[in-house]
């Protein structure tokens, strides 16, 4: 079975866990609808979740992969991240990597204003 997955953190091209997607097909860069909040989880990876209001569009990438690759990706994801539905700005609803809202809001820093993990990382360098 083939799985398509929206990623918005360390699985993206050039980042720490992208090698876990080796053998998958890069489908391009995409954005979510403006219905998400993005948090930094200890400056190790982002955590994204959907909100009813006050959300932003989050930048990411789409990949198409086999079950074998998905199992490898899933097994290497940090704690609390899970696969769930993500709404893209092109009208599609796809699988994506999400993080529990309560844990993010109680323990981590909101970085939604950056609109994506790459922009947040770039802000820390400058």
C-alpha atoms as a PDB file:
ATOM      1  CA  UNK A   1       0.000   0.000   0.000  1.00  0.00           C
ATOM      2  CA  UNK A   2       1.192   3.529  -0.771  1.00  0.00           C
ATOM      3  CA  UNK A   3       1.070   6.343   1.807  1.00  0.00           C
ATOM      4  CA  UNK A   4       1.293  10.062   1.091  1.00  0.00           C
ATOM      5  CA  UNK A   5       2.523  12.149   4.012  1.00  0.00           C
ATOM      6  CA  UNK A   6       2.811  15.894   4.724  1.00  0.00           C
ATOM      7  CA  UNK A   7       5.869  16.654   6.857  1.00  0.00           C
ATOM      8  CA  UNK A   8       6.758  20.003   8.365  1.00  0.00           C
ATOM      9  CA  UNK A   9       9.878  19.401  10.438  1.00  0.00           C
ATOM     10  CA  UNK A  10      13.051  17.375  10.621  1.00  0.00           C
ATOM     11  CA  UNK A  11      11.888  14.960   7.895  1.00  0.00           C
ATOM     12  CA  UNK A  12      12.107  17.733   5.273  1.00  0.00           C
ATOM     13  CA  UNK A  13      14.915  17.862   2.701  1.00  0.00           C
ATOM     14  CA  UNK A  14      18.302  18.703   4.164  1.00  0.00           C
ATOM     15  CA  UNK A  15      17.185  18.278   7.759  1.00  0.00           C
ATOM     16  CA  UNK A  16      18.162  15.769  10.457  1.00  0.00           C
ATOM     17  CA  UNK A  17      15.691  12.907   9.815  1.00  0.00           C
ATOM     18  CA  UNK A  18      15.229  13.231   6.033  1.00  0.00           C
ATOM     19  CA  UNK A  19      17.260  10.041   5.530  1.00  0.00           C
ATOM     20  CA  UNK A  20      14.335   8.154   7.080  1.00  0.00           C
ATOM     21  CA  UNK A  21      12.465   8.987   3.851  1.00  0.00           C
ATOM     22  CA  UNK A  22      15.133   7.393   1.620  1.00  0.00           C
ATOM     23  CA  UNK A  23      13.348   5.564  -1.181  1.00  0.00           C
ATOM     24  CA  UNK A  24      10.220   7.730  -1.004  1.00  0.00           C
ATOM     25  CA  UNK A  25       9.034  10.080  -3.753  1.00  0.00           C
ATOM     26  CA  UNK A  26       9.261  13.823  -3.082  1.00  0.00           C
ATOM     27  CA  UNK A  27       5.993  15.344  -4.316  1.00  0.00           C
ATOM     28  CA  UNK A  28       6.841  19.005  -3.683  1.00  0.00           C
ATOM     29  CA  UNK A  29       6.425  21.830  -1.230  1.00  0.00           C
ATOM     30  CA  UNK A  30       2.944  22.493   0.158  1.00  0.00           C
ATOM     31  CA  UNK A  31       1.219  24.672   2.753  1.00  0.00           C
ATOM     32  CA  UNK A  32      -1.608  23.944   5.132  1.00  0.00           C
ATOM     33  CA  UNK A  33      -4.735  26.026   5.395  1.00  0.00           C
ATOM     34  CA  UNK A  34      -4.366  28.795   8.016  1.00  0.00           C
ATOM     35  CA  UNK A  35      -5.821  26.572  10.748  1.00  0.00           C
ATOM     36  CA  UNK A  36      -2.719  25.402  12.613  1.00  0.00           C
ATOM     37  CA  UNK A  37      -0.422  26.412  15.437  1.00  0.00           C
ATOM     38  CA  UNK A  38       3.246  25.453  15.434  1.00  0.00           C
ATOM     39  CA  UNK A  39       5.415  24.974  18.524  1.00  0.00           C
ATOM     40  CA  UNK A  40       9.086  24.215  18.983  1.00  0.00           C
ATOM     41  CA  UNK A  41       9.525  21.047  21.012  1.00  0.00           C
ATOM     42  CA  UNK A  42      12.781  21.731  22.841  1.00  0.00           C
ATOM     43  CA  UNK A  43      14.306  23.190  19.651  1.00  0.00           C
ATOM     44  CA  UNK A  44      14.603  19.579  18.433  1.00  0.00           C
ATOM     45  CA  UNK A  45      11.511  19.357  16.223  1.00  0.00           C
ATOM     46  CA  UNK A  46       8.235  21.182  15.627  1.00  0.00           C
ATOM     47  CA  UNK A  47       4.824  20.200  16.901  1.00  0.00           C
ATOM     48  CA  UNK A  48       1.769  21.207  14.851  1.00  0.00           C
ATOM     49  CA  UNK A  49      -1.927  20.945  15.680  1.00  0.00           C
ATOM     50  CA  UNK A  50      -5.183  22.240  14.231  1.00  0.00           C
ATOM     51  CA  UNK A  51      -7.124  25.078  15.885  1.00  0.00           C
ATOM     52  CA  UNK A  52     -10.605  26.529  15.339  1.00  0.00           C
ATOM     53  CA  UNK A  53      -9.317  30.121  15.262  1.00  0.00           C
ATOM     54  CA  UNK A  54      -6.038  32.016  15.412  1.00  0.00           C
ATOM     55  CA  UNK A  55      -4.208  29.603  13.157  1.00  0.00           C
ATOM     56  CA  UNK A  56      -1.550  30.103  10.496  1.00  0.00           C
ATOM     57  CA  UNK A  57      -0.598  28.317   7.290  1.00  0.00           C
ATOM     58  CA  UNK A  58       2.383  26.018   7.872  1.00  0.00           C
ATOM     59  CA  UNK A  59       4.978  25.246   5.201  1.00  0.00           C
ATOM     60  CA  UNK A  60       5.986  21.641   4.540  1.00  0.00           C
ATOM     61  CA  UNK A  61       6.659  18.928   2.006  1.00  0.00           C
ATOM     62  CA  UNK A  62       4.737  15.935   0.682  1.00  0.00           C
ATOM     63  CA  UNK A  63       6.196  12.463   0.167  1.00  0.00           C
ATOM     64  CA  UNK A  64       4.794   9.251  -1.314  1.00  0.00           C
ATOM     65  CA  UNK A  65       6.140   6.073   0.275  1.00  0.00           C
ATOM     66  CA  UNK A  66       5.695   2.346   0.679  1.00  0.00           C
ATOM     67  CA  UNK A  67       4.444   0.757   3.898  1.00  0.00           C
ATOM     68  CA  UNK A  68       8.016  -0.305   4.631  1.00  0.00           C
ATOM     69  CA  UNK A  69       9.279   3.300   4.487  1.00  0.00           C
ATOM     70  CA  UNK A  70       6.298   4.538   6.527  1.00  0.00           C
ATOM     71  CA  UNK A  71       7.072   1.983   9.256  1.00  0.00           C
ATOM     72  CA  UNK A  72      10.667   3.242   9.366  1.00  0.00           C
ATOM     73  CA  UNK A  73       9.485   6.865   9.573  1.00  0.00           C
ATOM     74  CA  UNK A  74       6.909   6.108  12.259  1.00  0.00           C
ATOM     75  CA  UNK A  75       9.384   4.118  14.364  1.00  0.00           C
ATOM     76  CA  UNK A  76      11.876   7.003  14.395  1.00  0.00           C
ATOM     77  CA  UNK A  77       9.450   9.811  15.252  1.00  0.00           C
ATOM     78  CA  UNK A  78      10.026  11.538  18.606  1.00  0.00           C
ATOM     79  CA  UNK A  79       7.575  10.995  21.501  1.00  0.00           C
ATOM     80  CA  UNK A  80       3.982  12.243  21.164  1.00  0.00           C
ATOM     81  CA  UNK A  81       4.113  12.900  17.399  1.00  0.00           C
ATOM     82  CA  UNK A  82       1.374  11.052  15.551  1.00  0.00           C
ATOM     83  CA  UNK A  83      -0.159  10.724  12.094  1.00  0.00           C
ATOM     84  CA  UNK A  84      -3.449  12.543  11.529  1.00  0.00           C
ATOM     85  CA  UNK A  85      -5.418  14.515   8.931  1.00  0.00           C
ATOM     86  CA  UNK A  86      -3.957  17.794   7.673  1.00  0.00           C
ATOM     87  CA  UNK A  87      -5.795  20.284   5.462  1.00  0.00           C
ATOM     88  CA  UNK A  88      -3.713  21.718   2.618  1.00  0.00           C
ATOM     89  CA  UNK A  89      -4.360  25.079   0.982  1.00  0.00           C
ATOM     90  CA  UNK A  90      -5.075  23.307  -2.335  1.00  0.00           C
ATOM     91  CA  UNK A  91      -8.192  21.683  -0.815  1.00  0.00           C
ATOM     92  CA  UNK A  92      -6.675  18.247  -0.143  1.00  0.00           C
ATOM     93  CA  UNK A  93      -6.868  16.510   3.219  1.00  0.00           C
ATOM     94  CA  UNK A  94      -3.798  14.327   3.665  1.00  0.00           C
ATOM     95  CA  UNK A  95      -1.962  12.435   6.369  1.00  0.00           C
ATOM     96  CA  UNK A  96       0.475  14.576   8.303  1.00  0.00           C
ATOM     97  CA  UNK A  97       2.604  14.574  11.417  1.00  0.00           C
ATOM     98  CA  UNK A  98       0.818  16.232  14.360  1.00  0.00           C
ATOM     99  CA  UNK A  99       1.479  16.912  18.042  1.00  0.00           C
ATOM    100  CA  UNK A 100      -0.992  17.009  20.971  1.00  0.00           C
ATOM    101  CA  UNK A 101      -2.204  20.575  21.571  1.00  0.00           C
ATOM    102  CA  UNK A 102      -2.344  20.302  25.358  1.00  0.00           C
ATOM    103  CA  UNK A 103       1.252  19.082  25.686  1.00  0.00           C
ATOM    104  CA  UNK A 104       2.494  21.787  23.299  1.00  0.00           C
ATOM    105  CA  UNK A 105       0.666  24.648  25.006  1.00  0.00           C
ATOM    106  CA  UNK A 106       1.597  23.572  28.533  1.00  0.00           C
ATOM    107  CA  UNK A 107       5.270  22.794  27.938  1.00  0.00           C
ATOM    108  CA  UNK A 108       6.643  24.391  24.769  1.00  0.00           C
ATOM    109  CA  UNK A 109       7.074  27.661  22.839  1.00  0.00           C
ATOM    110  CA  UNK A 110       4.698  28.878  20.131  1.00  0.00           C
ATOM    111  CA  UNK A 111       6.565  29.625  16.883  1.00  0.00           C
ATOM    112  CA  UNK A 112       3.503  29.990  14.654  1.00  0.00           C
ATOM    113  CA  UNK A 113       4.511  33.505  13.593  1.00  0.00           C
ATOM    114  CA  UNK A 114       7.327  31.975  11.526  1.00  0.00           C
ATOM    115  CA  UNK A 115       4.921  29.843   9.450  1.00  0.00           C
ATOM    116  CA  UNK A 116       7.319  26.933   9.303  1.00  0.00           C
ATOM    117  CA  UNK A 117      10.192  25.084  10.905  1.00  0.00           C
ATOM    118  CA  UNK A 118      12.814  26.259   8.378  1.00  0.00           C
ATOM    119  CA  UNK A 119      12.014  29.943   8.967  1.00  0.00           C
ATOM    120  CA  UNK A 120      12.134  29.384  12.710  1.00  0.00           C
ATOM    121  CA  UNK A 121      15.560  27.708  12.443  1.00  0.00           C
ATOM    122  CA  UNK A 122      16.823  30.536  10.210  1.00  0.00           C
ATOM    123  CA  UNK A 123      15.698  33.103  12.807  1.00  0.00           C
ATOM    124  CA  UNK A 124      17.915  31.462  15.407  1.00  0.00           C
ATOM    125  CA  UNK A 125      21.018  31.810  13.201  1.00  0.00           C
ATOM    126  CA  UNK A 126      20.615  35.505  12.490  1.00  0.00           C
END
